[in-house]
C-alpha atoms as a PDB file:
ATOM      1  CA  MET A   1      29.674  -0.321 -14.937  1.00  0.00           C
ATOM      2  CA  VAL A   2      27.351  -3.197 -15.697  1.00  0.00           C
ATOM      3  CA  LEU A   3      26.517  -3.645 -11.917  1.00  0.00           C
ATOM      4  CA  CYS A   4      25.555   0.006 -11.688  1.00  0.00           C
ATOM      5  CA  LEU A   5      23.308  -0.236 -14.856  1.00  0.00           C
ATOM      6  CA  ALA A   6      21.678  -3.402 -13.613  1.00  0.00           C
ATOM      7  CA  THR A   7      21.061  -1.727 -10.104  1.00  0.00           C
ATOM      8  CA  ALA A   8      19.594   1.319 -11.817  1.00  0.00           C
ATOM      9  CA  LEU A   9      17.243  -0.696 -14.001  1.00  0.00           C
ATOM     10  CA  VAL A  10      15.961  -2.952 -11.015  1.00  0.00           C
ATOM     11  CA  HIS A  11      15.489   0.338  -8.863  1.00  0.00           C
ATOM     12  CA  VAL A  12      13.476   1.903 -11.659  1.00  0.00           C
ATOM     13  CA  LEU A  13      11.382  -1.283 -12.226  1.00  0.00           C
ATOM     14  CA  LEU A  14      10.633  -1.604  -8.383  1.00  0.00           C
ATOM     15  CA  VAL A  15       9.717   2.121  -8.059  1.00  0.00           C
ATOM     16  CA  PHE A  16       7.482   1.677 -11.163  1.00  0.00           C
ATOM     17  CA  LEU A  17       5.746  -1.304  -9.690  1.00  0.00           C
ATOM     18  CA  HIS A  18       5.248   0.582  -6.283  1.00  0.00           C
ATOM     19  CA  VAL A  19       3.503   3.688  -7.844  1.00  0.00           C
ATOM     20  CA  ALA A  20       1.624   1.913 -10.703  1.00  0.00           C
ATOM     21  CA  PRO A  21      -1.952   0.853 -10.142  1.00  0.00           C
ATOM     22  CA  PRO A  22      -2.347  -2.589  -8.780  1.00  0.00           C
ATOM     23  CA  ASN A  23      -1.684  -5.226 -11.413  1.00  0.00           C
ATOM     24  CA  PRO A  24      -0.831  -8.934 -11.382  1.00  0.00           C
ATOM     25  CA  LEU A  25       2.993  -8.208 -11.455  1.00  0.00           C
ATOM     26  CA  SER A  26       2.930  -5.688  -8.669  1.00  0.00           C
ATOM     27  CA  GLN A  27       0.759  -8.096  -6.592  1.00  0.00           C
ATOM     28  CA  GLN A  28       2.824 -11.048  -7.217  1.00  0.00           C
ATOM     29  CA  TYR A  29       6.096  -9.242  -6.138  1.00  0.00           C
ATOM     30  CA  SER A  30       4.794  -6.921  -3.560  1.00  0.00           C
ATOM     31  CA  ARG A  31       6.781  -8.422  -0.792  1.00  0.00           C
ATOM     32  CA  GLN A  32      10.036  -7.618  -2.660  1.00  0.00           C
ATOM     33  CA  VAL A  33       8.830  -4.301  -3.891  1.00  0.00           C
ATOM     34  CA  SER A  34       7.958  -3.256  -0.323  1.00  0.00           C
ATOM     35  CA  ALA A  35      11.297  -4.546   0.885  1.00  0.00           C
ATOM     36  CA  TRP A  36      13.114  -2.319  -1.608  1.00  0.00           C
ATOM     37  CA  ILE A  37      10.927   0.744  -1.259  1.00  0.00           C
ATOM     38  CA  PHE A  38      10.483   0.964   2.634  1.00  0.00           C
ATOM     39  CA  PRO A  39      11.823   3.079   4.329  1.00  0.00           C
ATOM     40  CA  LEU A  40      14.317   4.784   2.046  1.00  0.00           C
ATOM     41  CA  PHE A  41      12.361   5.257  -1.282  1.00  0.00           C
ATOM     42  CA  GLU A  42       8.806   5.756   0.059  1.00  0.00           C
ATOM     43  CA  GLN A  43       6.683   7.692  -2.408  1.00  0.00           C
ATOM     44  CA  ASN A  44       3.876  10.050  -1.540  1.00  0.00           C
ATOM     45  CA  TRP A  45       2.150  13.046  -2.920  1.00  0.00           C
ATOM     46  CA  ARG A  46       2.663  15.470  -0.100  1.00  0.00           C
ATOM     47  CA  LEU A  47       4.845  17.766  -2.153  1.00  0.00           C
ATOM     48  CA  PHE A  48       1.736  18.489  -4.248  1.00  0.00           C
ATOM     49  CA  ALA A  49      -0.937  18.278  -1.782  1.00  0.00           C
ATOM     50  CA  PRO A  50       0.592  18.709   1.712  1.00  0.00           C
ATOM     51  CA  ASP A  51      -1.353  17.545   4.774  1.00  0.00           C
ATOM     52  CA  PRO A  52      -0.518  20.118   7.433  1.00  0.00           C
ATOM     53  CA  GLU A  53      -0.425  18.971  11.009  1.00  0.00           C
ATOM     54  CA  SER A  54      -3.657  19.393  12.985  1.00  0.00           C
ATOM     55  CA  VAL A  55      -1.910  18.570  16.314  1.00  0.00           C
ATOM     56  CA  ASN A  56       1.157  19.404  18.038  1.00  0.00           C
ATOM     57  CA  ARG A  57       3.028  16.441  19.628  1.00  0.00           C
ATOM     58  CA  GLN A  58       5.533  16.433  22.425  1.00  0.00           C
ATOM     59  CA  ILE A  59       7.331  13.088  22.386  1.00  0.00           C
ATOM     60  CA  SER A  60       9.409  12.413  25.700  1.00  0.00           C
ATOM     61  CA  ALA A  61      11.492   9.428  26.599  1.00  0.00           C
ATOM     62  CA  ARG A  62      12.738   8.015  29.885  1.00  0.00           C
ATOM     63  CA  THR A  63      15.109   5.183  30.500  1.00  0.00           C
ATOM     64  CA  LEU A  64      15.354   2.114  32.787  1.00  0.00           C
ATOM     65  CA  HIS A  65      18.619   0.805  34.189  1.00  0.00           C
ATOM     66  CA  THR A  66      18.804  -2.276  36.362  1.00  0.00           C
ATOM     67  CA  ALA A  67      21.738  -1.832  38.926  1.00  0.00           C
ATOM     68  CA  PRO A  68      23.916  -4.993  39.668  1.00  0.00           C
ATOM     69  CA  ASP A  69      21.978  -5.280  42.973  1.00  0.00           C
ATOM     70  CA  GLY A  70      18.667  -5.770  41.006  1.00  0.00           C
ATOM     71  CA  THR A  71      17.169  -2.432  41.780  1.00  0.00           C
ATOM     72  CA  GLU A  72      15.660  -0.641  38.879  1.00  0.00           C
ATOM     73  CA  GLN A  73      16.416   3.099  38.371  1.00  0.00           C
ATOM     74  CA  VAL A  74      14.075   5.032  36.183  1.00  0.00           C
ATOM     75  CA  SER A  75      15.216   8.418  34.806  1.00  0.00           C
ATOM     76  CA  GLY A  76      13.052  11.488  34.406  1.00  0.00           C
ATOM     77  CA  TRP A  77      11.430  12.322  31.090  1.00  0.00           C
ATOM     78  CA  PHE A  78      13.660  13.828  28.432  1.00  0.00           C
ATOM     79  CA  ASP A  79      11.976  15.843  25.686  1.00  0.00           C
ATOM     80  CA  LEU A  80      12.839  14.626  22.202  1.00  0.00           C
ATOM     81  CA  THR A  81      10.637  17.071  20.537  1.00  0.00           C
ATOM     82  CA  ALA A  82      12.516  20.070  22.147  1.00  0.00           C
ATOM     83  CA  VAL A  83      15.804  18.677  20.600  1.00  0.00           C
ATOM     84  CA  ASP A  84      14.301  18.967  17.165  1.00  0.00           C
ATOM     85  CA  ASP A  85      12.840  22.254  17.859  1.00  0.00           C
ATOM     86  CA  SER A  86      16.198  23.764  19.075  1.00  0.00           C
ATOM     87  CA  ALA A  87      17.957  22.269  15.949  1.00  0.00           C
ATOM     88  CA  VAL A  88      15.336  24.216  13.758  1.00  0.00           C
ATOM     89  CA  LYS A  89      15.006  27.497  15.678  1.00  0.00           C
ATOM     90  CA  HIS A  90      17.197  30.375  14.484  1.00  0.00           C
ATOM     91  CA  ASN A  91      18.690  28.083  11.935  1.00  0.00           C
ATOM     92  CA  ALA A  92      18.396  29.426   8.367  1.00  0.00           C
ATOM     93  CA  PHE A  93      19.032  26.067   6.619  1.00  0.00           C
ATOM     94  CA  PRO A  94      17.744  23.454   9.129  1.00  0.00           C
ATOM     95  CA  SER A  95      18.395  19.824   8.084  1.00  0.00           C
ATOM     96  CA  HIS A  96      15.572  17.662   6.880  1.00  0.00           C
ATOM     97  CA  THR A  97      16.557  15.203   9.690  1.00  0.00           C
ATOM     98  CA  ALA A  98      16.023  17.901  12.411  1.00  0.00           C
ATOM     99  CA  GLN A  99      12.569  18.776  11.114  1.00  0.00           C
ATOM    100  CA  ASN A 100      11.181  15.415  10.191  1.00  0.00           C
ATOM    101  CA  MET A 101      12.859  12.390  11.535  1.00  0.00           C
ATOM    102  CA  LEU A 102      11.052  12.125  14.882  1.00  0.00           C
ATOM    103  CA  ARG A 103       7.679  13.239  13.427  1.00  0.00           C
ATOM    104  CA  ARG A 104       7.873  10.871  10.565  1.00  0.00           C
ATOM    105  CA  ALA A 105       8.932   7.987  12.898  1.00  0.00           C
ATOM    106  CA  TRP A 106       5.838   8.626  14.974  1.00  0.00           C
ATOM    107  CA  SER A 107       3.646   8.861  12.082  1.00  0.00           C
ATOM    108  CA  SER A 108       4.877   5.499  10.736  1.00  0.00           C
ATOM    109  CA  TYR A 109       4.475   3.974  14.087  1.00  0.00           C
ATOM    110  CA  LEU A 110       0.846   5.034  14.258  1.00  0.00           C
ATOM    111  CA  GLU A 111       0.070   3.789  10.824  1.00  0.00           C
ATOM    112  CA  THR A 112       1.510   0.389  11.513  1.00  0.00           C
ATOM    113  CA  HIS A 113       0.442  -0.073  15.235  1.00  0.00           C
ATOM    114  CA  GLY A 114      -2.913   1.533  15.777  1.00  0.00           C
ATOM    115  CA  GLY A 115      -3.876   1.852  19.511  1.00  0.00           C
ATOM    116  CA  ASP A 116      -2.597  -1.355  20.814  1.00  0.00           C
ATOM    117  CA  ASP A 117       1.052  -0.891  20.520  1.00  0.00           C
ATOM    118  CA  GLN A 118       1.644  -4.466  19.356  1.00  0.00           C
ATOM    119  CA  PRO A 119       3.463  -4.973  16.018  1.00  0.00           C
ATOM    120  CA  HIS A 120       1.434  -6.986  13.721  1.00  0.00           C
ATOM    121  CA  SER A 121       3.790  -7.132  10.750  1.00  0.00           C
ATOM    122  CA  GLU A 122       7.466  -6.812   9.892  1.00  0.00           C
ATOM    123  CA  ARG A 123       7.018  -3.250   8.833  1.00  0.00           C
ATOM    124  CA  ALA A 124       5.359  -2.425  12.299  1.00  0.00           C
ATOM    125  CA  LEU A 125       8.224  -4.065  13.993  1.00  0.00           C
ATOM    126  CA  MET A 126      10.775  -2.089  11.919  1.00  0.00           C
ATOM    127  CA  ALA A 127       8.802   1.224  12.786  1.00  0.00           C
ATOM    128  CA  GLN A 128       9.024   0.406  16.291  1.00  0.00           C
ATOM    129  CA  ARG A 129      12.537  -0.325  16.300  1.00  0.00           C
ATOM    130  CA  TYR A 130      13.249   2.849  14.272  1.00  0.00           C
ATOM    131  CA  LEU A 131      11.321   5.041  16.913  1.00  0.00           C
ATOM    132  CA  THR A 132      13.220   3.237  19.816  1.00  0.00           C
ATOM    133  CA  ASN A 133      16.719   3.698  18.135  1.00  0.00           C
ATOM    134  CA  ILE A 134      15.865   7.402  17.722  1.00  0.00           C
ATOM    135  CA  ALA A 135      14.892   7.857  21.340  1.00  0.00           C
ATOM    136  CA  ALA A 136      17.913   5.900  22.641  1.00  0.00           C
ATOM    137  CA  ASP A 137      20.514   7.529  20.458  1.00  0.00           C
ATOM    138  CA  ARG A 138      19.252  11.082  21.401  1.00  0.00           C
ATOM    139  CA  ILE A 139      19.154  10.175  25.099  1.00  0.00           C
ATOM    140  CA  ALA A 140      22.674   8.737  24.989  1.00  0.00           C
ATOM    141  CA  ASP A 141      23.942  11.967  23.098  1.00  0.00           C
ATOM    142  CA  HIS A 142      22.439  14.344  25.440  1.00  0.00           C
ATOM    143  CA  ARG A 143      22.448  12.560  28.781  1.00  0.00           C
ATOM    144  CA  GLY A 144      24.614   9.685  28.589  1.00  0.00           C
ATOM    145  CA  GLY A 145      24.459   6.991  31.234  1.00  0.00           C
ATOM    146  CA  THR A 146      23.808   3.247  31.117  1.00  0.00           C
ATOM    147  CA  PHE A 147      20.215   1.928  30.320  1.00  0.00           C
ATOM    148  CA  GLU A 148      18.670  -1.162  28.930  1.00  0.00           C
ATOM    149  CA  SER A 149      15.161  -0.088  28.249  1.00  0.00           C
ATOM    150  CA  VAL A 150      13.350   3.000  27.032  1.00  0.00           C
ATOM    151  CA  GLN A 151       9.876   4.217  27.203  1.00  0.00           C
ATOM    152  CA  LEU A 152       8.012   6.898  25.218  1.00  0.00           C
ATOM    153  CA  ARG A 153       5.368   9.413  26.237  1.00  0.00           C
ATOM    154  CA  VAL A 154       3.425  11.219  23.581  1.00  0.00           C
ATOM    155  CA  ILE A 155       1.351  14.300  24.468  1.00  0.00           C
ATOM    156  CA  THR A 156      -0.938  15.218  21.613  1.00  0.00           C
ATOM    157  CA  VAL A 157      -2.703  18.681  21.655  1.00  0.00           C
ATOM    158  CA  PRO A 158      -4.970  19.706  18.902  1.00  0.00           C
ATOM    159  CA  ILE A 159      -4.279  22.835  17.190  1.00  0.00           C
ATOM    160  CA  ALA A 160      -7.269  25.238  17.569  1.00  0.00           C
ATOM    161  CA  ARG A 161      -8.998  26.481  14.268  1.00  0.00           C
ATOM    162  CA  PRO A 162      -8.321  30.180  13.688  1.00  0.00           C
ATOM    163  CA  ALA A 163     -11.922  31.168  14.502  1.00  0.00           C
ATOM    164  CA  ALA A 164     -11.834  29.295  17.743  1.00  0.00           C
ATOM    165  CA  ALA A 165      -8.516  30.619  18.720  1.00  0.00           C
ATOM    166  CA  SER A 166      -9.926  34.101  19.382  1.00  0.00           C
ATOM    167  CA  GLY A 167     -12.412  33.168  22.074  1.00  0.00           C
ATOM    168  CA  PRO A 168     -11.606  33.297  25.741  1.00  0.00           C
ATOM    169  CA  ASP A 169     -12.160  29.685  26.246  1.00  0.00           C
ATOM    170  CA  ALA A 170     -10.094  28.441  23.357  1.00  0.00           C
ATOM    171  CA  SER A 171      -6.963  27.632  25.448  1.00  0.00           C
ATOM    172  CA  ALA A 172      -9.052  25.746  28.072  1.00  0.00           C
ATOM    173  CA  ALA A 173     -10.788  23.650  25.354  1.00  0.00           C
ATOM    174  CA  VAL A 174      -7.340  22.809  23.771  1.00  0.00           C
ATOM    175  CA  ARG A 175      -5.900  21.715  27.158  1.00  0.00           C
ATOM    176  CA  LYS A 176      -8.950  19.599  28.047  1.00  0.00           C
ATOM    177  CA  ALA A 177      -8.568  17.853  24.544  1.00  0.00           C
ATOM    178  CA  ALA A 178      -4.899  17.097  25.087  1.00  0.00           C
ATOM    179  CA  GLN A 179      -4.247  13.382  25.201  1.00  0.00           C
ATOM    180  CA  THR A 180      -1.214  11.433  26.799  1.00  0.00           C
ATOM    181  CA  ARG A 181      -0.068   7.975  25.484  1.00  0.00           C
ATOM    182  CA  TYR A 182       2.406   5.964  27.259  1.00  0.00           C
ATOM    183  CA  LEU A 183       4.125   3.371  25.121  1.00  0.00           C
ATOM    184  CA  PRO A 184       5.494   0.051  26.652  1.00  0.00           C
ATOM    185  CA  TRP A 185       8.986  -0.281  27.817  1.00  0.00           C
ATOM    186  CA  TRP A 186      11.241  -1.542  24.902  1.00  0.00           C
ATOM    187  CA  LYS A 187      14.610  -3.120  25.225  1.00  0.00           C
ATOM    188  CA  VAL A 188      17.579  -1.185  23.444  1.00  0.00           C
ATOM    189  CA  ALA A 189      20.971  -2.107  22.347  1.00  0.00           C
ATOM    190  CA  SER A 190      23.649  -1.530  24.954  1.00  0.00           C
ATOM    191  CA  HIS A 191      24.078   2.159  25.564  1.00  0.00           C
ATOM    192  CA  GLY A 192      26.713   3.662  28.015  1.00  0.00           C
ATOM    193  CA  ASN A 193      28.526   0.298  28.559  1.00  0.00           C
END
């Protein structure tokens, strides 16, 4: 009972320090507060001021397996976004995981890495591992097989504004603005062994 009460009090204190305006106490213990808050208790205001997506992203992954003779075998691309879409489509009560896990993992990766795909902090490394684990687990669940590395491809297509969507050149303009980003190969824990 005492342990539960102490844990609850520490939790409330750390969450308070996280959401409170910057002050000497929150700055002094920012490392400890961040370690407690991220990724499970992250606070944001999106419930009150949602930030709708302005792009559609298709996140795909492929795997690399080195055979005993040293030859490398690269799989075809596996659409991770389609797995989420199929879990949500025609489901009256889709899970939060099916709707947001991959999207939030990618958003977190972008926030911590920027454009160079190099982790510059412990949080960036955690976001990279999280994204890698999601991809590896989903590929192992749906395809099976043995692989040591995974690579992600993200195709970003801007969502046309409603006024622009009515014109005949709208779809051509959106296709032209699409961007494809290939992430480096990342080692994963043993899958399929």
